[in-house]
């Protein structure tokens, strides 16, 4: 009988101690965001907002309007595609034009917080510079295609011109993209 009382007391003590440990040991929240779009394909979540590192480029390699040999591939991945007839998708990039005068739509200017000067970012499609605000050549999406990848490349190019001064420093350039299915 005495053993039963001891066991009962031990079980009760363990139960009480487990409630004592139930105190908050870390908490937080998870926020889910997104957008439902009227399109035949979804854009992969990790491709909506991308950061493409272009590395550390020598200022001398950009003199006289030269292109950097360092070129970085990037893509926009489409998934969950569903359509009854073949579609073509075109991509339009928009952003601040670059170049010496800030009017070259085949170059993307560095953002206002950048300390680097004298160069711009170039985006290409099949090795051809893309003009900001102009749709790329369409990529055909066949019926039954559920995934596709729109491939591009980016690199730095000196702005060129008589006063071509490449100032070393950090830079950021931002472009937005829009897809058009036809």
Protein backbone atom coordinates (compact mmCIF):
# COMPACT_ATOMS: atom_id res chain seq x y z
CA UNK A 1 0.00 0.00 0.00
CA UNK A 2 2.83 2.32 0.92
CA UNK A 3 4.49 1.56 -2.44
CA UNK A 4 1.29 2.49 -4.30
CA UNK A 5 1.15 5.86 -2.51
CA UNK A 6 4.78 6.53 -3.39
CA UNK A 7 4.15 5.62 -7.05
CA UNK A 8 1.02 7.78 -7.14
CA UNK A 9 2.95 10.73 -5.68
CA UNK A 10 5.78 10.24 -8.23
CA UNK A 11 3.36 10.11 -11.17
CA UNK A 12 1.58 13.25 -9.97
CA UNK A 13 4.89 15.09 -9.49
CA UNK A 14 5.99 14.18 -13.03
CA UNK A 15 2.67 15.38 -14.41
CA UNK A 16 2.95 18.72 -12.61
CA UNK A 17 6.55 19.16 -13.78
CA UNK A 18 5.52 18.56 -17.39
CA UNK A 19 3.05 21.45 -17.10
CA UNK A 20 5.83 23.63 -15.69
CA UNK A 21 7.90 22.93 -18.82
CA UNK A 22 5.00 23.88 -21.07
CA UNK A 23 5.97 27.56 -20.73
CA UNK A 24 6.73 29.43 -23.95
CA UNK A 25 10.10 28.23 -25.24
CA UNK A 26 9.96 30.19 -28.46
CA UNK A 27 7.20 31.36 -30.75
CA UNK A 28 6.64 33.37 -33.87
CA UNK A 29 4.39 33.65 -36.85
CA UNK A 30 4.38 32.58 -40.46
CA UNK A 31 2.92 34.90 -43.08
CA UNK A 32 1.91 33.55 -46.45
CA UNK A 33 1.74 35.98 -49.34
CA UNK A 34 1.15 35.68 -53.03
CA UNK A 35 -1.17 36.69 -55.79
CA UNK A 36 -3.67 34.86 -57.96
CA UNK A 37 -3.06 35.87 -61.57
CA UNK A 38 -5.05 35.48 -64.79
CA UNK A 39 -2.42 33.59 -66.81
CA UNK A 40 -1.92 30.11 -68.27
CA UNK A 41 1.23 29.52 -66.14
CA UNK A 42 2.37 30.28 -62.61
CA UNK A 43 5.76 31.85 -61.94
CA UNK A 44 7.89 29.73 -59.60
CA UNK A 45 7.87 31.40 -56.17
CA UNK A 46 11.68 31.59 -55.99
CA UNK A 47 11.78 33.38 -59.38
CA UNK A 48 9.45 36.28 -58.62
CA UNK A 49 12.05 38.40 -56.80
CA UNK A 50 15.59 37.37 -57.70
CA UNK A 51 19.03 38.69 -56.82
CA UNK A 52 21.71 37.90 -59.40
CA UNK A 53 25.27 38.46 -58.12
CA UNK A 54 27.51 39.79 -60.90
CA UNK A 55 30.65 39.48 -58.80
CA UNK A 56 33.66 41.76 -58.49
CA UNK A 57 34.50 43.20 -61.90
CA UNK A 58 37.74 45.05 -62.65
CA UNK A 59 37.20 48.70 -63.58
CA UNK A 60 39.83 48.33 -66.32
CA UNK A 61 37.81 45.59 -68.04
CA UNK A 62 34.96 48.09 -68.56
CA UNK A 63 37.00 51.00 -70.02
CA UNK A 64 36.01 52.40 -73.41
CA UNK A 65 32.56 50.82 -73.26
CA UNK A 66 33.83 47.25 -73.07
CA UNK A 67 31.74 44.35 -71.79
CA UNK A 68 32.74 42.26 -68.81
CA UNK A 69 33.65 38.67 -69.60
CA UNK A 70 31.76 37.69 -66.44
CA UNK A 71 28.25 36.86 -67.59
CA UNK A 72 25.62 35.42 -65.25
CA UNK A 73 22.73 33.26 -66.38
CA UNK A 74 19.31 33.72 -64.82
CA UNK A 75 15.86 32.48 -65.67
CA UNK A 76 12.17 32.86 -65.03
CA UNK A 77 10.66 29.44 -64.38
CA UNK A 78 7.04 28.81 -65.29
CA UNK A 79 5.05 25.97 -63.76
CA UNK A 80 1.51 24.62 -63.52
CA UNK A 81 0.94 25.61 -67.17
CA UNK A 82 -2.42 24.67 -68.65
CA UNK A 83 -3.79 25.75 -72.02
CA UNK A 84 -5.75 24.20 -74.88
CA UNK A 85 -3.73 25.67 -77.76
CA UNK A 86 -0.04 26.44 -78.11
CA UNK A 87 0.99 29.76 -76.64
CA UNK A 88 3.90 32.10 -77.07
CA UNK A 89 5.24 33.97 -74.05
CA UNK A 90 7.14 37.23 -74.34
CA UNK A 91 9.02 38.98 -71.54
CA UNK A 92 9.28 42.74 -71.15
CA UNK A 93 11.83 44.21 -68.73
CA UNK A 94 11.42 47.74 -67.40
CA UNK A 95 13.82 49.85 -65.39
CA UNK A 96 16.00 52.97 -65.51
CA UNK A 97 17.95 53.23 -68.79
CA UNK A 98 21.74 53.43 -68.42
CA UNK A 99 24.67 54.49 -70.56
CA UNK A 100 26.55 57.77 -70.63
CA UNK A 101 23.44 59.96 -70.90
CA UNK A 102 21.07 57.67 -69.01
CA UNK A 103 19.03 57.13 -72.15
CA UNK A 104 20.40 53.83 -73.49
CA UNK A 105 17.48 51.41 -73.19
CA UNK A 106 19.77 48.44 -73.83
CA UNK A 107 21.51 49.16 -70.52
CA UNK A 108 20.14 49.30 -66.97
CA UNK A 109 21.43 52.16 -64.79
CA UNK A 110 22.85 51.64 -61.32
CA UNK A 111 20.43 52.60 -58.55
CA UNK A 112 20.71 55.84 -56.57
CA UNK A 113 22.37 54.12 -53.58
CA UNK A 114 25.21 52.75 -55.73
CA UNK A 115 28.73 54.07 -55.20
CA UNK A 116 30.06 52.56 -58.46
CA UNK A 117 29.78 54.79 -61.54
CA UNK A 118 30.50 54.65 -65.26
CA UNK A 119 28.95 51.28 -66.13
CA UNK A 120 25.53 49.69 -66.51
CA UNK A 121 23.96 46.23 -66.56
CA UNK A 122 23.06 44.61 -69.88
CA UNK A 123 20.43 41.84 -70.09
CA UNK A 124 20.49 39.52 -73.09
CA UNK A 125 18.14 37.00 -74.68
CA UNK A 126 19.97 34.54 -76.97
CA UNK A 127 23.08 36.79 -76.80
CA UNK A 128 21.14 39.85 -78.03
CA UNK A 129 20.76 42.86 -75.71
CA UNK A 130 17.18 43.38 -74.57
CA UNK A 131 15.80 46.89 -74.90
CA UNK A 132 13.95 48.05 -71.78
CA UNK A 133 10.21 48.36 -72.43
CA UNK A 134 10.35 46.15 -75.53
CA UNK A 135 9.10 42.56 -75.51
CA UNK A 136 11.55 39.75 -76.23
CA UNK A 137 11.03 37.33 -79.09
CA UNK A 138 8.34 34.88 -78.04
CA UNK A 139 9.10 31.44 -76.66
CA UNK A 140 6.68 28.77 -77.85
CA UNK A 141 4.89 26.74 -75.20
CA UNK A 142 3.37 23.58 -76.66
CA UNK A 143 0.05 22.11 -75.56
CA UNK A 144 0.73 19.73 -72.70
CA UNK A 145 3.74 21.71 -71.49
CA UNK A 146 3.42 22.10 -67.73
CA UNK A 147 6.80 23.78 -67.11
CA UNK A 148 9.04 26.15 -69.05
CA UNK A 149 12.17 28.17 -68.39
CA UNK A 150 12.79 31.59 -69.91
CA UNK A 151 16.58 31.97 -69.99
CA UNK A 152 18.51 35.23 -69.93
CA UNK A 153 22.00 36.51 -69.18
CA UNK A 154 23.31 39.66 -67.46
CA UNK A 155 26.69 41.39 -67.42
CA UNK A 156 28.31 44.78 -66.86
CA UNK A 157 29.32 47.11 -69.66
CA UNK A 158 31.20 50.39 -69.42
CA UNK A 159 29.07 53.36 -70.42
CA UNK A 160 31.70 54.50 -72.92
CA UNK A 161 32.06 58.03 -74.20
CA UNK A 162 34.82 60.61 -74.00
CA UNK A 163 34.47 61.02 -70.24
CA UNK A 164 34.43 57.29 -69.55
CA UNK A 165 35.41 57.15 -65.91
CA UNK A 166 34.75 53.89 -64.14
CA UNK A 167 34.44 54.57 -60.41
CA UNK A 168 34.90 51.45 -58.25
CA UNK A 169 32.22 50.73 -55.67
CA UNK A 170 29.12 48.68 -54.96
CA UNK A 171 26.11 48.82 -57.24
CA UNK A 172 22.54 47.66 -57.46
CA UNK A 173 20.34 47.71 -60.55
CA UNK A 174 16.68 46.75 -60.50
CA UNK A 175 14.43 45.74 -63.37
CA UNK A 176 10.86 44.51 -63.30
CA UNK A 177 9.51 41.97 -65.73
CA UNK A 178 6.08 41.29 -67.19
CA UNK A 179 5.00 38.24 -69.16
CA UNK A 180 2.63 38.37 -72.11
CA UNK A 181 1.02 35.17 -73.42
CA UNK A 182 -0.28 35.23 -76.99
